[in-house]
Protein backbone atom coordinates (compact mmCIF):
# COMPACT_ATOMS: atom_id res chain seq x y z
CA MET A 1 11.97 10.90 35.26
CA ASP A 2 14.66 8.26 35.82
CA HIS A 3 12.96 5.00 34.82
CA ASP A 4 16.00 2.91 35.80
CA ALA A 5 15.91 4.35 39.32
CA LEU A 6 12.19 3.61 39.58
CA ALA A 7 12.78 0.03 38.41
CA ARG A 8 15.52 -0.43 41.04
CA ILE A 9 13.24 0.93 43.74
CA GLY A 10 10.45 -1.37 42.55
CA ASP A 11 12.82 -4.34 42.80
CA ALA A 12 13.87 -3.29 46.31
CA LEU A 13 10.23 -2.94 47.38
CA ALA A 14 9.36 -6.35 45.94
CA ALA A 15 12.35 -7.95 47.69
CA GLU A 16 11.43 -6.50 51.10
CA PRO A 17 9.36 -9.11 52.97
CA ASP A 18 8.64 -6.88 55.97
CA ARG A 19 5.67 -4.60 55.29
CA GLN A 20 6.71 -1.93 57.76
CA ARG A 21 10.20 -1.69 56.28
CA ALA A 22 8.66 -1.60 52.79
CA LEU A 23 6.44 1.33 53.82
CA GLU A 24 9.45 3.15 55.29
CA LEU A 25 11.40 2.48 52.09
CA LEU A 26 8.50 3.73 49.98
CA LEU A 27 8.33 6.95 51.98
CA THR A 28 12.11 7.45 52.00
CA GLU A 29 12.32 7.02 48.23
CA ALA A 30 9.23 9.17 47.58
CA ARG A 31 10.78 11.95 49.63
CA ARG A 32 14.18 11.57 47.99
CA LEU A 33 12.83 11.59 44.43
CA THR A 34 10.55 14.59 45.06
CA ARG A 35 12.91 16.41 47.45
CA ALA A 36 10.25 16.49 50.18
CA GLN A 37 11.25 17.55 53.67
CA ALA A 38 8.70 15.27 55.32
CA GLY A 39 6.02 12.72 54.61
CA THR A 40 3.50 10.24 55.92
CA VAL A 41 2.09 6.95 54.74
CA TYR A 42 -1.40 6.35 56.11
CA LEU A 43 -3.09 2.95 55.93
CA ARG A 44 -6.86 2.66 55.94
CA GLU A 45 -8.31 0.60 58.76
CA GLY A 46 -12.08 0.66 58.55
CA ASP A 47 -13.22 4.27 58.91
CA ARG A 48 -9.81 5.52 60.01
CA LEU A 49 -6.38 6.29 58.58
CA ARG A 50 -3.50 5.01 60.70
CA PHE A 51 -0.06 6.61 60.58
CA ALA A 52 2.02 3.71 59.24
CA ALA A 53 5.25 5.55 58.37
CA VAL A 54 6.19 9.12 59.26
CA GLN A 55 9.41 11.00 58.47
CA ASN A 56 10.42 14.63 59.00
CA ASP A 57 14.03 15.72 58.47
CA LEU A 58 13.69 19.08 60.22
CA LEU A 59 12.13 17.64 63.38
CA ALA A 60 14.61 14.74 63.39
CA ARG A 61 17.50 17.24 63.38
CA ARG A 62 15.86 19.39 66.04
CA PHE A 63 14.78 16.66 68.47
CA GLY A 64 16.68 13.54 67.42
CA ALA A 65 15.23 10.68 65.41
CA ASP A 66 13.56 8.82 68.30
CA GLU A 67 11.93 11.92 69.80
CA ALA A 68 10.78 13.09 66.37
CA ARG A 69 9.22 9.67 65.73
CA ARG A 70 7.44 9.85 69.10
CA ARG A 71 6.15 13.36 68.39
CA LEU A 72 5.01 12.37 64.91
CA ALA A 73 3.10 9.32 66.12
CA ALA A 74 -0.50 10.41 66.28
CA GLU A 75 -3.95 9.07 66.81
CA PRO A 76 -5.57 7.68 63.65
CA LEU A 77 -7.56 10.14 61.56
CA ALA A 78 -11.28 9.57 61.23
CA LEU A 79 -12.29 9.53 57.57
CA VAL A 80 -15.04 12.03 58.34
CA GLU A 81 -12.48 14.66 59.35
CA PRO A 82 -11.90 17.35 56.71
CA SER A 83 -8.18 16.58 56.47
CA VAL A 84 -6.36 16.36 53.15
CA ALA A 85 -5.49 12.69 53.76
CA SER A 86 -9.12 11.80 54.53
CA TYR A 87 -10.28 13.65 51.42
CA VAL A 88 -7.77 11.77 49.24
CA ALA A 89 -8.77 8.42 50.76
CA LEU A 90 -12.47 9.04 50.21
CA THR A 91 -12.33 10.61 46.74
CA ARG A 92 -9.24 8.93 45.22
CA ALA A 93 -8.16 12.42 44.17
CA VAL A 94 -4.59 13.67 43.92
CA VAL A 95 -4.15 16.87 45.94
CA ASN A 96 -1.27 19.25 45.25
CA ILE A 97 -1.29 22.39 47.41
CA PRO A 98 1.35 25.12 46.94
CA ASP A 99 0.69 26.63 50.39
CA VAL A 100 -1.64 25.02 52.92
CA TYR A 101 -2.03 28.35 54.73
CA GLU A 102 -3.54 29.89 51.58
CA LEU A 103 -6.34 27.36 50.97
CA PRO A 104 -9.51 28.89 49.52
CA LEU A 105 -12.48 28.57 51.86
CA GLU A 106 -14.51 26.56 49.33
CA ARG A 107 -12.07 23.61 49.39
CA PRO A 108 -13.64 20.39 50.72
CA TYR A 109 -10.62 19.83 52.99
CA GLU A 110 -8.59 21.91 55.39
CA PHE A 111 -5.18 21.98 57.03
CA ASP A 112 -4.83 21.68 60.81
CA ARG A 113 -2.50 24.54 61.75
CA HIS A 114 -2.49 23.38 65.37
CA TRP A 115 -0.03 20.59 64.54
CA ASP A 116 2.50 23.10 63.17
CA ALA A 117 2.07 25.36 66.20
CA VAL A 118 2.61 22.53 68.70
CA HIS A 119 5.73 21.22 66.94
CA GLY A 120 7.30 24.51 65.88
CA TYR A 121 7.03 23.55 62.24
CA ARG A 122 5.79 25.31 59.10
CA THR A 123 4.02 23.14 56.58
CA GLN A 124 3.81 24.88 53.24
CA SER A 125 3.54 22.69 50.16
CA MET A 126 1.75 19.35 50.20
CA LEU A 127 1.27 16.53 47.70
CA ALA A 128 -1.07 13.66 48.58
CA MET A 129 -2.00 10.59 46.51
CA PRO A 130 -4.06 7.49 47.20
CA LEU A 131 -2.54 4.03 47.53
CA ARG A 132 -4.79 1.62 45.61
CA ASP A 133 -5.00 -2.13 45.41
CA GLY A 134 -5.39 -4.14 42.20
CA ARG A 135 -9.14 -3.43 42.14
CA GLY A 136 -8.61 0.32 42.47
CA GLU A 137 -9.77 0.42 46.08
CA VAL A 138 -7.92 2.88 48.31
CA PHE A 139 -6.04 1.21 51.15
CA GLY A 140 -3.89 4.18 52.11
CA VAL A 141 -2.53 7.62 51.32
CA VAL A 142 0.97 8.98 50.78
CA GLN A 143 1.30 12.60 51.83
CA LEU A 144 4.50 14.55 51.15
CA ILE A 145 5.30 17.86 52.82
CA ASN A 146 7.47 20.81 51.77
CA ALA A 147 9.22 20.28 48.46
CA VAL A 148 12.71 21.79 48.71
CA GLY A 149 13.95 23.75 45.70
CA ASP A 150 17.47 24.15 44.35
CA THR A 151 18.18 27.08 46.68
CA GLY A 152 17.08 25.15 49.77
CA THR A 153 13.81 27.01 50.20
CA VAL A 154 10.40 25.37 50.34
CA VAL A 155 8.57 25.47 47.01
CA ALA A 156 5.40 23.98 45.56
CA PHE A 157 5.48 20.41 44.23
CA ASP A 158 5.57 20.61 40.44
CA GLN A 159 3.98 18.41 37.77
CA GLU A 160 7.14 16.32 37.36
CA GLN A 161 7.24 15.54 41.09
CA GLU A 162 3.58 14.57 40.92
CA GLU A 163 4.32 12.21 38.02
CA ILE A 164 7.32 10.74 39.85
CA LEU A 165 5.22 10.01 42.94
CA GLY A 166 2.52 8.43 40.77
CA ALA A 167 5.08 6.20 39.05
CA LEU A 168 6.63 5.23 42.39
CA LEU A 169 3.22 4.28 43.80
CA THR A 170 2.63 2.12 40.73
CA GLN A 171 5.93 0.34 41.46
CA PHE A 172 4.83 -0.08 45.07
CA MET A 173 1.52 -1.62 44.00
CA ARG A 174 3.34 -4.13 41.80
CA ALA A 175 5.64 -5.02 44.68
CA ARG A 176 2.72 -5.26 47.09
CA ALA A 177 1.04 -7.84 44.86
CA ALA A 178 3.96 -10.14 45.66
CA TRP A 179 3.29 -9.96 49.43
């Protein structure tokens, strides 16, 4: 893990006064450091998770950045839905799934394959972590999609990528305290 890079990102997050741009920066850097093809930052608003920042390289290349952003904008998720993001928000758990299409039936969450079908996409690996405030309360979730390996193929997120995301979210929380 490159601690100097994390410190620079933390400084950039702390220096960014605009919350939306800070969320976009957080997601961009999380994806870059973990080599994720796509990702979402959800913010908790009552009993829902709102899509606050969404990025997907493959869809941006296919449809253009503006159209991809429009397609990725979605209705907020109800926290009672069995989605991975809702599960993470409610339990504070870290979820790392090698292949969302191979989830065991006994898991307390599920993956909505309909989204992939509608957008011509194939979600495979997923890493989701809670965003917590200074009291440990969850105010959002970062969900990364499709880690890309050295050969350009989609692979599972490994332990190092999980640790990198955790360290980056810690930097984000420190920066957020300055807002």
